N, C-alpha and C. Protein backbone atom coordinates (compact mmCIF):
# COMPACT_ATOMS: atom_id res chain seq x y z
N MET A 1 4.92 -8.75 -19.10
CA MET A 1 5.34 -9.94 -18.37
C MET A 1 5.09 -11.16 -19.28
N PRO A 2 6.06 -12.08 -19.35
CA PRO A 2 5.91 -13.26 -20.19
C PRO A 2 4.77 -14.16 -19.69
N ALA A 3 4.23 -14.93 -20.63
CA ALA A 3 3.15 -15.86 -20.30
C ALA A 3 3.68 -17.02 -19.47
N LEU A 4 2.78 -17.66 -18.74
CA LEU A 4 3.14 -18.76 -17.86
C LEU A 4 3.81 -19.90 -18.64
N ASP A 5 3.26 -20.24 -19.80
CA ASP A 5 3.82 -21.33 -20.60
C ASP A 5 5.24 -21.01 -21.07
N GLU A 6 5.47 -19.74 -21.42
CA GLU A 6 6.80 -19.33 -21.86
C GLU A 6 7.81 -19.44 -20.72
N LEU A 7 7.41 -19.01 -19.53
CA LEU A 7 8.30 -19.10 -18.37
C LEU A 7 8.63 -20.56 -18.04
N LYS A 8 7.62 -21.42 -18.11
CA LYS A 8 7.85 -22.84 -17.84
C LYS A 8 8.78 -23.45 -18.89
N ALA A 9 8.64 -23.04 -20.15
CA ALA A 9 9.52 -23.54 -21.21
C ALA A 9 10.96 -23.10 -20.97
N ARG A 10 11.14 -21.84 -20.56
CA ARG A 10 12.49 -21.34 -20.25
C ARG A 10 13.10 -22.13 -19.09
N ARG A 11 12.30 -22.35 -18.05
CA ARG A 11 12.78 -23.08 -16.89
C ARG A 11 13.17 -24.50 -17.25
N ASP A 12 12.35 -25.16 -18.07
CA ASP A 12 12.66 -26.53 -18.50
C ASP A 12 13.93 -26.57 -19.33
N ALA A 13 14.12 -25.58 -20.20
CA ALA A 13 15.34 -25.52 -21.02
C ALA A 13 16.56 -25.33 -20.13
N LEU A 14 16.45 -24.45 -19.14
CA LEU A 14 17.58 -24.23 -18.22
C LEU A 14 17.90 -25.49 -17.43
N ALA A 15 16.88 -26.16 -16.93
CA ALA A 15 17.10 -27.37 -16.14
C ALA A 15 17.76 -28.46 -16.99
N ALA A 16 17.33 -28.60 -18.23
CA ALA A 16 17.91 -29.61 -19.12
C ALA A 16 19.38 -29.30 -19.42
N GLN A 17 19.67 -28.04 -19.68
CA GLN A 17 21.05 -27.66 -19.97
C GLN A 17 21.93 -27.80 -18.74
N ARG A 18 21.39 -27.48 -17.57
CA ARG A 18 22.16 -27.64 -16.34
C ARG A 18 22.52 -29.09 -16.12
N ALA A 19 21.56 -29.98 -16.36
CA ALA A 19 21.80 -31.41 -16.18
C ALA A 19 22.84 -31.93 -17.16
N SER A 20 22.89 -31.34 -18.35
CA SER A 20 23.85 -31.81 -19.35
C SER A 20 25.23 -31.18 -19.18
N GLY A 21 25.32 -30.15 -18.34
CA GLY A 21 26.61 -29.50 -18.11
C GLY A 21 26.95 -28.43 -19.12
N VAL A 22 26.02 -28.07 -19.98
CA VAL A 22 26.24 -27.05 -20.99
C VAL A 22 25.78 -25.70 -20.45
N ALA A 23 26.57 -24.67 -20.68
CA ALA A 23 26.26 -23.35 -20.14
C ALA A 23 25.63 -22.43 -21.18
N ARG A 24 25.08 -23.00 -22.26
CA ARG A 24 24.41 -22.20 -23.30
C ARG A 24 22.99 -22.72 -23.45
N VAL A 25 22.03 -21.82 -23.36
CA VAL A 25 20.62 -22.19 -23.44
C VAL A 25 19.97 -21.44 -24.58
N SER A 26 19.19 -22.16 -25.40
CA SER A 26 18.46 -21.54 -26.50
C SER A 26 16.98 -21.81 -26.35
N TYR A 27 16.17 -20.78 -26.57
CA TYR A 27 14.72 -20.91 -26.58
C TYR A 27 14.15 -19.75 -27.39
N ASP A 28 13.10 -19.99 -28.11
CA ASP A 28 12.44 -18.98 -28.94
C ASP A 28 13.41 -18.22 -29.84
N GLY A 29 14.41 -18.91 -30.37
CA GLY A 29 15.37 -18.27 -31.26
C GLY A 29 16.38 -17.39 -30.57
N LYS A 30 16.40 -17.41 -29.24
CA LYS A 30 17.36 -16.61 -28.47
C LYS A 30 18.36 -17.55 -27.81
N THR A 31 19.60 -17.10 -27.67
CA THR A 31 20.63 -17.89 -27.02
C THR A 31 21.23 -17.07 -25.88
N VAL A 32 21.38 -17.72 -24.73
CA VAL A 32 21.97 -17.08 -23.55
C VAL A 32 23.14 -17.93 -23.09
N ASP A 33 24.30 -17.29 -22.88
CA ASP A 33 25.48 -17.98 -22.36
C ASP A 33 25.61 -17.66 -20.88
N TYR A 34 25.73 -18.70 -20.07
CA TYR A 34 25.91 -18.51 -18.62
C TYR A 34 27.36 -18.79 -18.26
N ARG A 35 27.86 -18.10 -17.25
CA ARG A 35 29.26 -18.24 -16.87
C ARG A 35 29.50 -19.42 -15.95
N SER A 36 28.48 -19.82 -15.18
CA SER A 36 28.69 -20.90 -14.22
C SER A 36 27.37 -21.60 -13.92
N VAL A 37 27.49 -22.74 -13.28
CA VAL A 37 26.30 -23.49 -12.85
C VAL A 37 25.53 -22.69 -11.81
N THR A 38 26.23 -21.95 -10.98
CA THR A 38 25.59 -21.12 -9.96
C THR A 38 24.69 -20.07 -10.61
N GLU A 39 25.16 -19.49 -11.69
CA GLU A 39 24.36 -18.49 -12.40
C GLU A 39 23.10 -19.14 -13.00
N ILE A 40 23.23 -20.35 -13.52
CA ILE A 40 22.07 -21.08 -14.04
C ILE A 40 21.09 -21.37 -12.90
N ASP A 41 21.61 -21.79 -11.75
CA ASP A 41 20.75 -22.07 -10.59
C ASP A 41 19.97 -20.82 -10.17
N ARG A 42 20.63 -19.67 -10.18
CA ARG A 42 19.94 -18.42 -9.82
C ARG A 42 18.84 -18.10 -10.82
N ALA A 43 19.12 -18.33 -12.11
CA ALA A 43 18.11 -18.08 -13.14
C ALA A 43 16.91 -19.01 -12.97
N ILE A 44 17.18 -20.28 -12.64
CA ILE A 44 16.09 -21.24 -12.41
C ILE A 44 15.27 -20.80 -11.20
N ASP A 45 15.93 -20.38 -10.13
CA ASP A 45 15.21 -19.91 -8.94
C ASP A 45 14.33 -18.70 -9.26
N ALA A 46 14.87 -17.78 -10.04
CA ALA A 46 14.10 -16.58 -10.42
C ALA A 46 12.88 -16.96 -11.24
N LEU A 47 13.05 -17.90 -12.17
CA LEU A 47 11.91 -18.34 -12.98
C LEU A 47 10.89 -19.08 -12.12
N ASP A 48 11.36 -19.87 -11.16
CA ASP A 48 10.44 -20.55 -10.24
C ASP A 48 9.59 -19.54 -9.47
N ARG A 49 10.21 -18.44 -9.03
CA ARG A 49 9.46 -17.41 -8.31
C ARG A 49 8.43 -16.75 -9.21
N GLU A 50 8.81 -16.46 -10.46
CA GLU A 50 7.87 -15.83 -11.40
C GLU A 50 6.70 -16.77 -11.70
N VAL A 51 7.00 -18.04 -11.94
CA VAL A 51 5.94 -19.02 -12.22
C VAL A 51 5.02 -19.12 -11.01
N GLY A 52 5.58 -19.19 -9.82
CA GLY A 52 4.79 -19.27 -8.61
C GLY A 52 3.88 -18.07 -8.44
N ALA A 53 4.40 -16.89 -8.75
CA ALA A 53 3.60 -15.68 -8.63
C ALA A 53 2.43 -15.69 -9.61
N LEU A 54 2.69 -16.14 -10.84
CA LEU A 54 1.62 -16.21 -11.84
C LEU A 54 0.58 -17.27 -11.49
N GLU A 55 1.01 -18.34 -10.82
CA GLU A 55 0.09 -19.39 -10.43
C GLU A 55 -0.62 -19.06 -9.12
N GLY A 56 -0.26 -17.95 -8.49
CA GLY A 56 -0.91 -17.53 -7.27
C GLY A 56 -0.35 -18.17 -6.01
N ARG A 57 0.82 -18.81 -6.12
CA ARG A 57 1.43 -19.41 -4.93
C ARG A 57 2.18 -18.33 -4.16
N ARG A 58 2.11 -18.42 -2.87
CA ARG A 58 2.85 -17.50 -2.01
C ARG A 58 4.22 -18.08 -1.69
N ILE A 59 5.17 -17.20 -1.50
CA ILE A 59 6.50 -17.62 -1.07
C ILE A 59 6.45 -17.75 0.45
N VAL A 60 6.77 -18.92 0.94
CA VAL A 60 6.74 -19.16 2.37
C VAL A 60 8.16 -19.07 2.90
N ARG A 61 8.33 -18.21 3.87
CA ARG A 61 9.64 -18.05 4.51
C ARG A 61 9.48 -18.31 5.99
N GLN A 62 10.42 -18.99 6.56
CA GLN A 62 10.40 -19.24 7.99
C GLN A 62 11.72 -18.81 8.59
N VAL A 63 11.61 -18.19 9.74
CA VAL A 63 12.79 -17.84 10.50
C VAL A 63 12.65 -18.51 11.86
N ARG A 64 13.58 -19.34 12.20
CA ARG A 64 13.55 -20.02 13.49
C ARG A 64 14.71 -19.52 14.33
N ILE A 65 14.39 -19.13 15.52
CA ILE A 65 15.42 -18.64 16.44
C ILE A 65 15.44 -19.57 17.64
N THR A 66 16.61 -20.06 17.95
CA THR A 66 16.77 -20.89 19.15
C THR A 66 17.82 -20.26 20.03
N THR A 67 17.59 -20.35 21.31
CA THR A 67 18.53 -19.80 22.26
C THR A 67 18.76 -20.79 23.39
N SER A 68 19.83 -20.62 24.07
CA SER A 68 20.09 -21.41 25.27
C SER A 68 20.93 -20.57 26.22
N LYS A 69 20.93 -20.98 27.43
CA LYS A 69 21.73 -20.25 28.43
C LYS A 69 23.17 -20.71 28.44
N GLY A 70 23.46 -21.73 27.66
CA GLY A 70 24.82 -22.21 27.59
C GLY A 70 25.23 -23.07 28.78
N LEU A 71 24.28 -23.63 29.50
CA LEU A 71 24.59 -24.45 30.66
C LEU A 71 24.76 -25.90 30.26
């Protein structure tokens, strides 16, 4: 598993490239081409989850259900 600093560096590189509109990201001598902004967003979300797990943060999920009788 990559180190926390490496994951944060990857996430920062992705966020910077997303903001600039470029779909190619380079870090540690590696280059990754993304097909769309959506794909970059998914990669950022995945890195956020990995960073959170390494930092000991829990993923909080809420499900709210509302009902009515329709009156």
